[in-house]
PDB file of N, CA and C in Angstrom:
ATOM      1  N   MET A   1       0.837  -1.208   0.000  1.00  0.00           N
ATOM      2  CA  MET A   1       0.000   0.000   0.000  1.00  0.00           C
ATOM      3  C   MET A   1       0.870   1.255   0.000  1.00  0.00           C
ATOM      4  N   LEU A   2       0.521   2.175  -0.861  1.00  0.00           N
ATOM      5  CA  LEU A   2       1.257   3.434  -0.914  1.00  0.00           C
ATOM      6  C   LEU A   2       0.905   4.288   0.292  1.00  0.00           C
ATOM      7  N   THR A   3       1.914   4.932   0.858  1.00  0.00           N
ATOM      8  CA  THR A   3       1.673   5.760   2.030  1.00  0.00           C
ATOM      9  C   THR A   3       2.124   7.197   1.758  1.00  0.00           C
ATOM     10  N   PRO A   4       1.161   8.113   1.558  1.00  0.00           N
ATOM     11  CA  PRO A   4       1.510   9.516   1.334  1.00  0.00           C
ATOM     12  C   PRO A   4       2.185  10.137   2.558  1.00  0.00           C
ATOM     13  N   ALA A   5       2.834  11.256   2.348  1.00  0.00           N
ATOM     14  CA  ALA A   5       3.583  11.914   3.420  1.00  0.00           C
ATOM     15  C   ALA A   5       2.690  12.304   4.594  1.00  0.00           C
ATOM     16  N   TRP A   6       1.419  12.650   4.312  1.00  0.00           N
ATOM     17  CA  TRP A   6       0.535  13.123   5.377  1.00  0.00           C
ATOM     18  C   TRP A   6      -0.041  11.966   6.194  1.00  0.00           C
ATOM     19  N   ALA A   7       0.315  10.717   5.873  1.00  0.00           N
ATOM     20  CA  ALA A   7      -0.273   9.565   6.560  1.00  0.00           C
ATOM     21  C   ALA A   7       0.345   9.352   7.941  1.00  0.00           C
ATOM     22  N   GLY A   8       1.389  10.089   8.259  1.00  0.00           N
ATOM     23  CA  GLY A   8       2.035   9.915   9.555  1.00  0.00           C
ATOM     24  C   GLY A   8       3.149   8.893   9.466  1.00  0.00           C
ATOM     25  N   VAL A   9       3.812   8.635  10.594  1.00  0.00           N
ATOM     26  CA  VAL A   9       4.983   7.767  10.578  1.00  0.00           C
ATOM     27  C   VAL A   9       4.615   6.283  10.635  1.00  0.00           C
ATOM     28  N   SER A  10       3.425   5.963  11.139  1.00  0.00           N
ATOM     29  CA  SER A  10       3.066   4.568  11.328  1.00  0.00           C
ATOM     30  C   SER A  10       2.670   3.902  10.024  1.00  0.00           C
ATOM     31  N   THR A  11       3.168   2.663   9.828  1.00  0.00           N
ATOM     32  CA  THR A  11       2.765   1.890   8.660  1.00  0.00           C
ATOM     33  C   THR A  11       1.911   0.693   9.093  1.00  0.00           C
ATOM     34  N   ASP A  12       1.714   0.524  10.396  1.00  0.00           N
ATOM     35  CA  ASP A  12       0.880  -0.559  10.920  1.00  0.00           C
ATOM     36  C   ASP A  12      -0.586  -0.135  10.826  1.00  0.00           C
ATOM     37  N   ILE A  13      -1.374  -0.906  10.086  1.00  0.00           N
ATOM     38  CA  ILE A  13      -2.764  -0.504   9.814  1.00  0.00           C
ATOM     39  C   ILE A  13      -3.622  -0.493  11.069  1.00  0.00           C
ATOM     40  N   ASN A  14      -3.212  -1.206  12.122  1.00  0.00           N
ATOM     41  CA  ASN A  14      -4.018  -1.276  13.338  1.00  0.00           C
ATOM     42  C   ASN A  14      -3.629  -0.241  14.394  1.00  0.00           C
ATOM     43  N   SER A  15      -2.513   0.442  14.192  1.00  0.00           N
ATOM     44  CA  SER A  15      -2.004   1.302  15.261  1.00  0.00           C
ATOM     45  C   SER A  15      -2.598   2.711  15.219  1.00  0.00           C
ATOM     46  N   SER A  16      -3.075   3.147  14.056  1.00  0.00           N
ATOM     47  CA  SER A  16      -3.567   4.518  13.936  1.00  0.00           C
ATOM     48  C   SER A  16      -4.798   4.559  13.030  1.00  0.00           C
ATOM     49  N   PRO A  17      -5.948   4.128  13.561  1.00  0.00           N
ATOM     50  CA  PRO A  17      -7.152   3.977  12.734  1.00  0.00           C
ATOM     51  C   PRO A  17      -7.579   5.255  12.012  1.00  0.00           C
ATOM     52  N   THR A  18      -7.524   6.403  12.690  1.00  0.00           N
ATOM     53  CA  THR A  18      -7.978   7.645  12.077  1.00  0.00           C
ATOM     54  C   THR A  18      -7.093   8.014  10.888  1.00  0.00           C
ATOM     55  N   TYR A  19      -5.785   7.938  11.082  1.00  0.00           N
ATOM     56  CA  TYR A  19      -4.872   8.237   9.981  1.00  0.00           C
ATOM     57  C   TYR A  19      -5.083   7.290   8.819  1.00  0.00           C
ATOM     58  N   ASP A  20      -5.215   5.979   9.134  1.00  0.00           N
ATOM     59  CA  ASP A  20      -5.365   5.004   8.065  1.00  0.00           C
ATOM     60  C   ASP A  20      -6.671   5.192   7.311  1.00  0.00           C
ATOM     61  N   LYS A  21      -7.743   5.520   8.030  1.00  0.00           N
ATOM     62  CA  LYS A  21      -9.018   5.774   7.361  1.00  0.00           C
ATOM     63  C   LYS A  21      -8.897   6.976   6.430  1.00  0.00           C
ATOM     64  N   CYS A  22      -8.300   8.048   6.921  1.00  0.00           N
ATOM     65  CA  CYS A  22      -8.149   9.248   6.101  1.00  0.00           C
ATOM     66  C   CYS A  22      -7.215   8.979   4.929  1.00  0.00           C
ATOM     67  N   ASP A  23      -6.151   8.222   5.183  1.00  0.00           N
ATOM     68  CA  ASP A  23      -5.212   7.864   4.129  1.00  0.00           C
ATOM     69  C   ASP A  23      -5.932   7.075   3.039  1.00  0.00           C
ATOM     70  N   SER A  24      -6.764   6.127   3.456  1.00  0.00           N
ATOM     71  CA  SER A  24      -7.521   5.329   2.490  1.00  0.00           C
ATOM     72  C   SER A  24      -8.461   6.215   1.681  1.00  0.00           C
ATOM     73  N   ALA A  25      -9.130   7.133   2.370  1.00  0.00           N
ATOM     74  CA  ALA A  25     -10.047   8.040   1.680  1.00  0.00           C
ATOM     75  C   ALA A  25      -9.295   8.880   0.652  1.00  0.00           C
ATOM     76  N   TRP A  26      -8.138   9.419   1.062  1.00  0.00           N
ATOM     77  CA  TRP A  26      -7.333  10.208   0.133  1.00  0.00           C
ATOM     78  C   TRP A  26      -6.885   9.374  -1.057  1.00  0.00           C
ATOM     79  N   THR A  27      -6.456   8.127  -0.775  1.00  0.00           N
ATOM     80  CA  THR A  27      -5.995   7.242  -1.847  1.00  0.00           C
ATOM     81  C   THR A  27      -7.115   6.984  -2.842  1.00  0.00           C
ATOM     82  N   VAL A  28      -8.319   6.690  -2.313  1.00  0.00           N
ATOM     83  CA  VAL A  28      -9.474   6.466  -3.182  1.00  0.00           C
ATOM     84  C   VAL A  28      -9.778   7.710  -4.000  1.00  0.00           C
ATOM     85  N   MET A  29      -9.744   8.877  -3.347  1.00  0.00           N
ATOM     86  CA  MET A  29     -10.027  10.134  -4.043  1.00  0.00           C
ATOM     87  C   MET A  29      -9.017  10.377  -5.169  1.00  0.00           C
ATOM     88  N   MET A  30      -7.742  10.081  -4.891  1.00  0.00           N
ATOM     89  CA  MET A  30      -6.709  10.250  -5.908  1.00  0.00           C
ATOM     90  C   MET A  30      -6.964   9.313  -7.084  1.00  0.00           C
ATOM     91  N   MET A  31      -7.278   8.051  -6.769  1.00  0.00           N
ATOM     92  CA  MET A  31      -7.525   7.066  -7.815  1.00  0.00           C
ATOM     93  C   MET A  31      -8.722   7.470  -8.666  1.00  0.00           C
ATOM     94  N   VAL A  32      -9.794   7.947  -8.001  1.00  0.00           N
ATOM     95  CA  VAL A  32     -10.982   8.398  -8.726  1.00  0.00           C
ATOM     96  C   VAL A  32     -10.639   9.614  -9.591  1.00  0.00           C
ATOM     97  N   ALA A  33      -9.817  10.515  -9.053  1.00  0.00           N
ATOM     98  CA  ALA A  33      -9.417  11.701  -9.814  1.00  0.00           C
ATOM     99  C   ALA A  33      -8.640  11.296 -11.065  1.00  0.00           C
ATOM    100  N   ILE A  34      -7.756  10.303 -10.918  1.00  0.00           N
ATOM    101  CA  ILE A  34      -6.993   9.812 -12.071  1.00  0.00           C
ATOM    102  C   ILE A  34      -7.935   9.168 -13.087  1.00  0.00           C
ATOM    103  N   ALA A  35      -8.901   8.395 -12.586  1.00  0.00           N
ATOM    104  CA  ALA A  35      -9.891   7.774 -13.472  1.00  0.00           C
ATOM    105  C   ALA A  35     -10.713   8.842 -14.183  1.00  0.00           C
ATOM    106  N   ASP A  36     -11.095   9.893 -13.432  1.00  0.00           N
ATOM    107  CA  ASP A  36     -11.833  11.013 -14.027  1.00  0.00           C
ATOM    108  C   ASP A  36     -11.054  11.617 -15.187  1.00  0.00           C
ATOM    109  N   ARG A  37      -9.757  11.835 -14.958  1.00  0.00           N
ATOM    110  CA  ARG A  37      -8.933  12.459 -15.993  1.00  0.00           C
ATOM    111  C   ARG A  37      -8.857  11.555 -17.217  1.00  0.00           C
ATOM    112  N   ALA A  38      -8.722  10.244 -16.974  1.00  0.00           N
ATOM    113  CA  ALA A  38      -8.643   9.292 -18.078  1.00  0.00           C
ATOM    114  C   ALA A  38      -9.941   9.281 -18.886  1.00  0.00           C
ATOM    115  N   LEU A  39     -11.048   9.516 -18.199  1.00  0.00           N
ATOM    116  CA  LEU A  39     -12.354   9.522 -18.868  1.00  0.00           C
ATOM    117  C   LEU A  39     -12.758  10.923 -19.335  1.00  0.00           C
ATOM    118  N   ILE A  40     -11.841  11.884 -19.206  1.00  0.00           N
ATOM    119  CA  ILE A  40     -12.117  13.282 -19.554  1.00  0.00           C
ATOM    120  C   ILE A  40     -13.321  13.815 -18.773  1.00  0.00           C
ATOM    121  N   VAL A  41     -13.378  13.488 -17.478  1.00  0.00           N
ATOM    122  CA  VAL A  41     -14.444  14.011 -16.622  1.00  0.00           C
ATOM    123  C   VAL A  41     -13.765  14.804 -15.510  1.00  0.00           C
ATOM    124  N   THR A  42     -12.845  15.679 -15.897  1.00  0.00           N
ATOM    125  CA  THR A  42     -12.015  16.368 -14.926  1.00  0.00           C
ATOM    126  C   THR A  42     -12.813  17.380 -14.116  1.00  0.00           C
ATOM    127  N   LEU A  43     -12.681  17.265 -12.790  1.00  0.00           N
ATOM    128  CA  LEU A  43     -13.295  18.208 -11.859  1.00  0.00           C
ATOM    129  C   LEU A  43     -14.794  18.402 -12.082  1.00  0.00           C
ATOM    130  N   ASN A  44     -15.482  17.314 -12.424  1.00  0.00           N
ATOM    131  CA  ASN A  44     -16.940  17.370 -12.507  1.00  0.00           C
ATOM    132  C   ASN A  44     -17.482  17.658 -11.119  1.00  0.00           C
ATOM    133  N   ALA A  45     -18.314  18.676 -10.982  1.00  0.00           N
ATOM    134  CA  ALA A  45     -18.770  19.141  -9.674  1.00  0.00           C
ATOM    135  C   ALA A  45     -19.449  18.026  -8.876  1.00  0.00           C
ATOM    136  N   GLU A  46     -20.252  17.221  -9.555  1.00  0.00           N
ATOM    137  CA  GLU A  46     -20.960  16.139  -8.882  1.00  0.00           C
ATOM    138  C   GLU A  46     -19.975  15.109  -8.331  1.00  0.00           C
ATOM    139  N   HIS A  47     -18.975  14.764  -9.130  1.00  0.00           N
ATOM    140  CA  HIS A  47     -17.972  13.795  -8.694  1.00  0.00           C
ATOM    141  C   HIS A  47     -17.142  14.341  -7.537  1.00  0.00           C
ATOM    142  N   LEU A  48     -16.773  15.608  -7.641  1.00  0.00           N
ATOM    143  CA  LEU A  48     -15.984  16.231  -6.585  1.00  0.00           C
ATOM    144  C   LEU A  48     -16.762  16.227  -5.272  1.00  0.00           C
ATOM    145  N   GLY A  49     -18.042  16.555  -5.345  1.00  0.00           N
ATOM    146  CA  GLY A  49     -18.888  16.542  -4.160  1.00  0.00           C
ATOM    147  C   GLY A  49     -18.987  15.151  -3.564  1.00  0.00           C
ATOM    148  N   TYR A  50     -19.075  14.145  -4.432  1.00  0.00           N
ATOM    149  CA  TYR A  50     -19.158  12.754  -3.990  1.00  0.00           C
ATOM    150  C   TYR A  50     -17.885  12.344  -3.257  1.00  0.00           C
ATOM    151  N   ARG A  51     -16.739  12.698  -3.822  1.00  0.00           N
ATOM    152  CA  ARG A  51     -15.461  12.374  -3.178  1.00  0.00           C
ATOM    153  C   ARG A  51     -15.337  13.088  -1.834  1.00  0.00           C
ATOM    154  N   THR A  52     -15.749  14.330  -1.775  1.00  0.00           N
ATOM    155  CA  THR A  52     -15.697  15.079  -0.514  1.00  0.00           C
ATOM    156  C   THR A  52     -16.581  14.421   0.534  1.00  0.00           C
ATOM    157  N   GLN A  53     -17.745  13.946   0.100  1.00  0.00           N
ATOM    158  CA  GLN A  53     -18.672  13.268   1.001  1.00  0.00           C
ATOM    159  C   GLN A  53     -18.044  11.992   1.559  1.00  0.00           C
ATOM    160  N   ILE A  54     -17.405  11.212   0.687  1.00  0.00           N
ATOM    161  CA  ILE A  54     -16.736   9.985   1.120  1.00  0.00           C
ATOM    162  C   ILE A  54     -15.636  10.313   2.120  1.00  0.00           C
ATOM    163  N   PHE A  55     -14.819  11.328   1.801  1.00  0.00           N
ATOM    164  CA  PHE A  55     -13.727  11.711   2.680  1.00  0.00           C
ATOM    165  C   PHE A  55     -14.252  12.132   4.052  1.00  0.00           C
ATOM    166  N   SER A  56     -15.320  12.938   4.055  1.00  0.00           N
ATOM    167  CA  SER A  56     -15.917  13.380   5.312  1.00  0.00           C
ATOM    168  C   SER A  56     -16.425  12.199   6.124  1.00  0.00           C
ATOM    169  N   ALA A  57     -17.041  11.253   5.454  1.00  0.00           N
ATOM    170  CA  ALA A  57     -17.563  10.067   6.138  1.00  0.00           C
ATOM    171  C   ALA A  57     -16.432   9.252   6.758  1.00  0.00           C
ATOM    172  N   PHE A  58     -15.339   9.075   6.018  1.00  0.00           N
ATOM    173  CA  PHE A  58     -14.205   8.316   6.511  1.00  0.00           C
ATOM    174  C   PHE A  58     -13.536   8.998   7.700  1.00  0.00           C
ATOM    175  N   CYS A  59     -13.502  10.313   7.675  1.00  0.00           N
ATOM    176  CA  CYS A  59     -12.737  11.051   8.674  1.00  0.00           C
ATOM    177  C   CYS A  59     -13.617  11.652   9.778  1.00  0.00           C
ATOM    178  N   SER A  60     -14.878  11.261   9.828  1.00  0.00           N
ATOM    179  CA  SER A  60     -15.800  11.876  10.785  1.00  0.00           C
ATOM    180  C   SER A  60     -15.447  11.534  12.228  1.00  0.00           C
ATOM    181  N   GLY A  61     -14.653  10.475  12.436  1.00  0.00           N
ATOM    182  CA  GLY A  61     -14.329  10.048  13.796  1.00  0.00           C
ATOM    183  C   GLY A  61     -13.129  10.733  14.404  1.00  0.00           C
ATOM    184  N   LYS A  62     -12.642  11.809  13.767  1.00  0.00           N
ATOM    185  CA  LYS A  62     -11.417  12.475  14.231  1.00  0.00           C
ATOM    186  C   LYS A  62     -11.553  12.979  15.656  1.00  0.00           C
TER     187      LYS A  62
END
């Protein structure tokens, strides 16, 4: 699993649930953004809102 710089120092998935959840959300958002670009659906407002909603849901336990 790729670990972005903002994911913190821990690489153990069980040691930092909030970071890992947010990291996963960011990873999914990045992947969707790349897919959007490949499909020429760049920065579609509906898609952006959907990704933001997912991220908020993942990180609501902060």
